[in-house]
N, C-alpha and C. Protein backbone atom coordinates (compact mmCIF):
# COMPACT_ATOMS: atom_id res chain seq x y z
N MET A 1 -90.42 136.11 -55.06
CA MET A 1 -90.38 137.66 -55.56
C MET A 1 -90.88 138.75 -56.70
N PRO A 2 -91.83 138.07 -57.63
CA PRO A 2 -92.69 139.27 -58.59
C PRO A 2 -91.73 140.68 -57.48
N GLY A 3 -91.57 141.35 -58.39
CA GLY A 3 -92.31 143.01 -58.87
C GLY A 3 -90.91 142.78 -57.85
N SER A 4 -89.38 142.18 -57.39
CA SER A 4 -89.12 143.14 -56.11
C SER A 4 -87.50 143.13 -56.56
N THR A 5 -86.65 144.03 -56.30
CA THR A 5 -85.52 144.12 -57.57
C THR A 5 -84.66 143.05 -57.31
N ILE A 6 -84.04 142.45 -55.62
CA ILE A 6 -83.25 141.30 -56.46
C ILE A 6 -84.67 139.78 -56.76
N GLY A 7 -85.14 140.63 -56.69
CA GLY A 7 -86.00 139.53 -57.58
C GLY A 7 -86.34 138.85 -58.80
N ALA A 8 -85.55 140.83 -59.44
CA ALA A 8 -85.36 140.58 -60.50
C ALA A 8 -83.60 140.08 -61.06
N PHE A 9 -83.31 140.56 -60.34
CA PHE A 9 -81.40 140.55 -60.24
C PHE A 9 -81.48 138.34 -60.57
N GLU A 10 -82.12 138.08 -59.97
CA GLU A 10 -81.59 136.56 -59.76
C GLU A 10 -82.39 135.28 -61.19
N THR A 11 -83.83 136.57 -61.88
CA THR A 11 -84.74 135.77 -62.67
C THR A 11 -83.89 135.03 -63.91
N LYS A 12 -84.06 134.08 -64.71
CA LYS A 12 -83.41 133.79 -65.68
C LYS A 12 -83.90 133.83 -66.73
N GLU A 13 -85.48 134.51 -66.36
CA GLU A 13 -86.20 135.14 -67.51
C GLU A 13 -85.13 136.10 -68.40
N GLU A 14 -85.22 136.20 -69.49
CA GLU A 14 -84.42 137.37 -70.41
C GLU A 14 -85.51 138.11 -70.19
N THR A 15 -87.25 138.90 -70.88
CA THR A 15 -87.98 139.69 -70.77
C THR A 15 -87.78 140.12 -69.12
N ALA A 16 -87.62 139.80 -68.00
CA ALA A 16 -87.92 139.43 -66.67
C ALA A 16 -86.32 140.76 -66.24
N ARG A 17 -84.97 140.61 -67.36
CA ARG A 17 -84.19 140.78 -66.69
C ARG A 17 -84.42 142.50 -66.18
N MET A 18 -83.64 142.81 -65.17
CA MET A 18 -82.86 144.00 -64.91
C MET A 18 -82.58 144.91 -66.24
N ALA A 19 -82.17 146.73 -65.58
CA ALA A 19 -82.04 147.01 -66.57
C ALA A 19 -80.58 147.47 -66.26
N THR A 20 -79.38 146.73 -67.78
CA THR A 20 -77.95 146.59 -66.74
C THR A 20 -77.64 147.43 -66.55
N MET A 21 -77.86 149.73 -66.61
CA MET A 21 -77.46 149.54 -65.32
C MET A 21 -77.30 149.05 -64.29
N ASN A 22 -79.03 149.10 -64.02
CA ASN A 22 -78.92 148.54 -62.35
C ASN A 22 -78.42 146.96 -61.77
N ASN A 23 -78.97 146.60 -62.72
CA ASN A 23 -77.46 145.07 -62.72
C ASN A 23 -76.78 145.55 -61.97
N ARG A 24 -75.51 145.78 -62.96
CA ARG A 24 -74.20 146.33 -62.68
C ARG A 24 -74.60 147.52 -61.56
N ALA A 25 -75.19 148.04 -60.45
CA ALA A 25 -74.95 148.51 -58.65
C ALA A 25 -75.29 147.95 -58.32
N LEU A 26 -75.57 146.49 -58.38
CA LEU A 26 -76.75 145.38 -57.37
C LEU A 26 -74.94 144.93 -57.17
N VAL A 27 -74.48 144.41 -58.14
CA VAL A 27 -73.85 143.81 -58.70
C VAL A 27 -71.90 144.43 -57.39
N GLU A 28 -72.50 145.66 -58.09
CA GLU A 28 -71.10 147.09 -57.55
C GLU A 28 -71.56 146.65 -55.57
N ALA A 29 -72.47 147.22 -55.19
CA ALA A 29 -72.76 147.19 -54.26
C ALA A 29 -72.66 145.45 -53.42
N PHE A 30 -73.35 144.34 -53.93
CA PHE A 30 -72.71 143.44 -52.85
C PHE A 30 -71.60 143.26 -53.06
N GLU A 31 -70.55 143.81 -54.01
CA GLU A 31 -69.17 143.87 -53.90
C GLU A 31 -68.18 144.67 -53.02
N ARG A 32 -68.70 146.25 -52.75
CA ARG A 32 -68.16 146.89 -52.13
C ARG A 32 -68.67 146.24 -50.69
N ALA A 33 -69.56 145.57 -50.36
CA ALA A 33 -69.60 145.35 -48.73
C ALA A 33 -69.10 144.03 -48.64
N GLY A 34 -68.32 143.36 -50.07
CA GLY A 34 -67.38 142.10 -49.60
C GLY A 34 -67.60 141.09 -49.93
N LEU A 35 -68.33 140.44 -50.78
CA LEU A 35 -68.52 139.54 -51.66
C LEU A 35 -68.56 139.50 -52.75
N GLU A 36 -67.58 138.00 -53.52
CA GLU A 36 -68.04 137.61 -54.51
C GLU A 36 -68.66 136.75 -54.99
N PHE A 37 -69.01 136.60 -56.57
CA PHE A 37 -69.42 135.65 -56.87
C PHE A 37 -68.63 135.20 -57.39
N ILE A 38 -69.29 133.29 -57.95
CA ILE A 38 -69.17 132.49 -57.52
C ILE A 38 -69.75 131.61 -59.10
N PRO A 39 -68.18 131.27 -59.77
CA PRO A 39 -69.61 130.40 -60.76
C PRO A 39 -69.68 129.36 -60.88
N GLU A 40 -70.40 128.84 -61.02
CA GLU A 40 -70.91 127.39 -61.68
C GLU A 40 -70.42 126.25 -61.82
N ASN A 41 -69.83 125.77 -60.99
CA ASN A 41 -68.95 124.45 -61.11
C ASN A 41 -67.87 123.51 -60.15
N GLY A 42 -70.05 123.10 -61.22
CA GLY A 42 -70.57 121.59 -60.07
C GLY A 42 -71.58 121.56 -59.13
N GLY A 43 -71.41 122.71 -58.75
CA GLY A 43 -72.59 123.01 -57.00
C GLY A 43 -72.93 124.16 -57.55
N GLY A 44 -72.97 124.66 -58.46
CA GLY A 44 -74.06 125.66 -58.84
C GLY A 44 -73.33 127.24 -58.71
N ALA A 45 -73.62 128.10 -59.25
CA ALA A 45 -73.21 129.05 -59.13
C ALA A 45 -73.35 129.55 -57.92
N GLY A 46 -73.23 130.93 -56.81
CA GLY A 46 -73.11 130.99 -55.69
C GLY A 46 -72.62 132.86 -55.02
N ILE A 47 -72.89 133.38 -54.24
CA ILE A 47 -71.94 134.22 -53.49
C ILE A 47 -71.79 134.06 -52.12
N ARG A 48 -70.48 133.80 -51.84
CA ARG A 48 -70.27 133.86 -50.65
C ARG A 48 -69.48 135.34 -50.18
N PHE A 49 -68.95 135.37 -49.15
CA PHE A 49 -67.69 136.46 -48.68
C PHE A 49 -66.22 136.19 -49.30
N ARG A 50 -66.03 137.36 -49.43
CA ARG A 50 -64.33 137.57 -49.89
C ARG A 50 -63.52 136.73 -48.49
N GLU A 51 -63.69 137.28 -47.64
CA GLU A 51 -62.98 137.00 -46.55
C GLU A 51 -63.28 135.86 -45.76
N ARG A 52 -62.42 135.10 -45.26
CA ARG A 52 -63.85 133.96 -43.70
C ARG A 52 -63.22 134.51 -42.35
N LYS A 53 -63.90 134.39 -42.04
CA LYS A 53 -63.90 135.32 -40.73
C LYS A 53 -63.75 133.73 -39.67
N ALA A 54 -62.96 133.84 -39.55
CA ALA A 54 -61.71 133.44 -38.36
C ALA A 54 -62.95 132.59 -37.06
N PRO A 55 -63.28 131.16 -37.24
CA PRO A 55 -63.73 130.23 -35.99
C PRO A 55 -63.61 130.90 -35.23
C-alpha cells in the first residue's frame, strides 16, 4: 500500500520508514488494543493478541 501509514510501518526500506514518533505512536496503539509484537523465531516476526479467547 504505497503512501499508507500501515504500509510505511511494515516496509523494510529505510528511505520509506515512518518518523520515529509516528512509529512509536502506532506501536503503543496496538499494544493498548491488546496486541503484542513477537520476534522472529523461525516462523517470522509477527503480532498476536496478548490473551487468547477461550474456545
